[in-house]
Amino acid sequence: MQTNVSTLLREFPKVRRAAFRGERVVIVTREGNLVLEAEQPKQNRLLGKWKGHVKIAKGVDLTSPTTSDSEWLK
């Protein structure tokens, strides 16, 4: 997407949405072009932090229960 400073100020929500969609927004000014891009959020999830460090055996289903019903009813 390409815009100028006046349009950026007038239609900032539209320009911001474009940047968050991953578009590269070029703002044309008299002094030169500026580029607006959104940073990708850091993945702070537990599995994301352990990626490459934890190995899961083939055939293991992490979504299935690991204990029987009788163990829960004690």
C-alpha atoms as a PDB file:
ATOM      1  CA  MET A   1       0.000   0.000   0.000  1.00  0.00           C
ATOM      2  CA  GLN A   2       1.242   3.490  -0.780  1.00  0.00           C
ATOM      3  CA  THR A   3      -0.014   6.676   0.894  1.00  0.00           C
ATOM      4  CA  ASN A   4       1.055  10.205   1.726  1.00  0.00           C
ATOM      5  CA  VAL A   5       1.258  11.992   5.073  1.00  0.00           C
ATOM      6  CA  SER A   6      -2.124  13.715   4.706  1.00  0.00           C
ATOM      7  CA  THR A   7      -3.902  10.451   3.965  1.00  0.00           C
ATOM      8  CA  LEU A   8      -1.998   8.710   6.767  1.00  0.00           C
ATOM      9  CA  LEU A   9      -3.272  11.268   9.276  1.00  0.00           C
ATOM     10  CA  ARG A  10      -6.792  11.341   7.857  1.00  0.00           C
ATOM     11  CA  GLU A  11      -7.216   7.572   7.440  1.00  0.00           C
ATOM     12  CA  PHE A  12      -4.877   6.171  10.086  1.00  0.00           C
ATOM     13  CA  PRO A  13      -7.182   3.280  11.160  1.00  0.00           C
ATOM     14  CA  LYS A  14      -7.298   2.024   7.557  1.00  0.00           C
ATOM     15  CA  VAL A  15      -3.510   2.282   7.180  1.00  0.00           C
ATOM     16  CA  ARG A  16      -2.936   0.612  10.552  1.00  0.00           C
ATOM     17  CA  ARG A  17      -5.195  -2.325   9.612  1.00  0.00           C
ATOM     18  CA  ALA A  18      -3.258  -2.760   6.372  1.00  0.00           C
ATOM     19  CA  ALA A  19       0.036  -2.894   8.284  1.00  0.00           C
ATOM     20  CA  PHE A  20      -1.345  -5.445  10.762  1.00  0.00           C
ATOM     21  CA  ARG A  21      -2.547  -7.589   7.839  1.00  0.00           C
ATOM     22  CA  GLY A  22       1.080  -7.859   6.816  1.00  0.00           C
ATOM     23  CA  GLU A  23       1.073  -5.270   4.063  1.00  0.00           C
ATOM     24  CA  ARG A  24       4.083  -3.029   3.615  1.00  0.00           C
ATOM     25  CA  VAL A  25       2.847   0.567   3.810  1.00  0.00           C
ATOM     26  CA  VAL A  26       5.006   3.139   2.008  1.00  0.00           C
ATOM     27  CA  ILE A  27       4.443   6.735   3.129  1.00  0.00           C
ATOM     28  CA  VAL A  28       5.629   9.164   0.481  1.00  0.00           C
ATOM     29  CA  THR A  29       7.070  12.438   1.833  1.00  0.00           C
ATOM     30  CA  ARG A  30       9.020  15.312   0.287  1.00  0.00           C
ATOM     31  CA  GLU A  31      12.153  14.201   2.131  1.00  0.00           C
ATOM     32  CA  GLY A  32      11.863  10.551   1.116  1.00  0.00           C
ATOM     33  CA  ASN A  33       9.766   7.464   1.645  1.00  0.00           C
ATOM     34  CA  LEU A  34       8.943   5.952   5.016  1.00  0.00           C
ATOM     35  CA  VAL A  35       7.953   2.330   5.492  1.00  0.00           C
ATOM     36  CA  LEU A  36       5.416   1.182   8.060  1.00  0.00           C
ATOM     37  CA  GLU A  37       5.323  -2.522   8.937  1.00  0.00           C
ATOM     38  CA  ALA A  38       3.843  -4.276  11.951  1.00  0.00           C
ATOM     39  CA  GLU A  39       6.137  -6.459  14.043  1.00  0.00           C
ATOM     40  CA  GLN A  40       5.102 -10.051  14.490  1.00  0.00           C
ATOM     41  CA  PRO A  41       4.075 -10.743  18.087  1.00  0.00           C
ATOM     42  CA  LYS A  42       6.494 -12.808  20.134  1.00  0.00           C
ATOM     43  CA  GLN A  43       5.310 -16.325  20.797  1.00  0.00           C
ATOM     44  CA  ASN A  44       5.261 -16.673  24.571  1.00  0.00           C
ATOM     45  CA  ARG A  45       3.458 -19.975  24.624  1.00  0.00           C
ATOM     46  CA  LEU A  46       5.001 -22.794  26.588  1.00  0.00           C
ATOM     47  CA  LEU A  47       5.313 -25.163  23.640  1.00  0.00           C
ATOM     48  CA  GLY A  48       6.768 -22.376  21.510  1.00  0.00           C
ATOM     49  CA  LYS A  49       9.540 -21.797  24.025  1.00  0.00           C
ATOM     50  CA  TRP A  50      10.378 -25.502  24.161  1.00  0.00           C
ATOM     51  CA  LYS A  51      10.317 -26.045  20.384  1.00  0.00           C
ATOM     52  CA  GLY A  52      13.336 -28.098  19.446  1.00  0.00           C
ATOM     53  CA  HIS A  53      14.075 -29.059  23.067  1.00  0.00           C
ATOM     54  CA  VAL A  54      11.247 -31.515  23.759  1.00  0.00           C
ATOM     55  CA  LYS A  55      10.862 -34.657  21.717  1.00  0.00           C
ATOM     56  CA  ILE A  56       7.491 -36.416  21.556  1.00  0.00           C
ATOM     57  CA  ALA A  57       7.479 -40.105  20.673  1.00  0.00           C
ATOM     58  CA  LYS A  58       5.689 -41.097  17.477  1.00  0.00           C
ATOM     59  CA  GLY A  59       2.142 -42.285  18.001  1.00  0.00           C
ATOM     60  CA  VAL A  60       1.617 -40.278  21.205  1.00  0.00           C
ATOM     61  CA  ASP A  61      -1.629 -38.309  21.225  1.00  0.00           C
ATOM     62  CA  LEU A  62      -1.237 -35.286  23.506  1.00  0.00           C
ATOM     63  CA  THR A  63      -4.963 -34.542  23.287  1.00  0.00           C
ATOM     64  CA  SER A  64      -6.108 -37.833  24.796  1.00  0.00           C
ATOM     65  CA  PRO A  65      -6.375 -38.475  28.571  1.00  0.00           C
ATOM     66  CA  THR A  66      -3.300 -39.904  30.233  1.00  0.00           C
ATOM     67  CA  THR A  67      -5.120 -41.389  33.228  1.00  0.00           C
ATOM     68  CA  SER A  68      -8.133 -43.649  33.528  1.00  0.00           C
ATOM     69  CA  ASP A  69     -11.515 -42.597  34.926  1.00  0.00           C
ATOM     70  CA  SER A  70     -10.953 -44.677  38.076  1.00  0.00           C
ATOM     71  CA  GLU A  71      -7.867 -42.604  38.958  1.00  0.00           C
ATOM     72  CA  TRP A  72      -9.957 -39.425  38.908  1.00  0.00           C
ATOM     73  CA  LEU A  73     -12.691 -40.868  41.125  1.00  0.00           C
ATOM     74  CA  LYS A  74     -10.437 -41.695  44.104  1.00  0.00           C
END
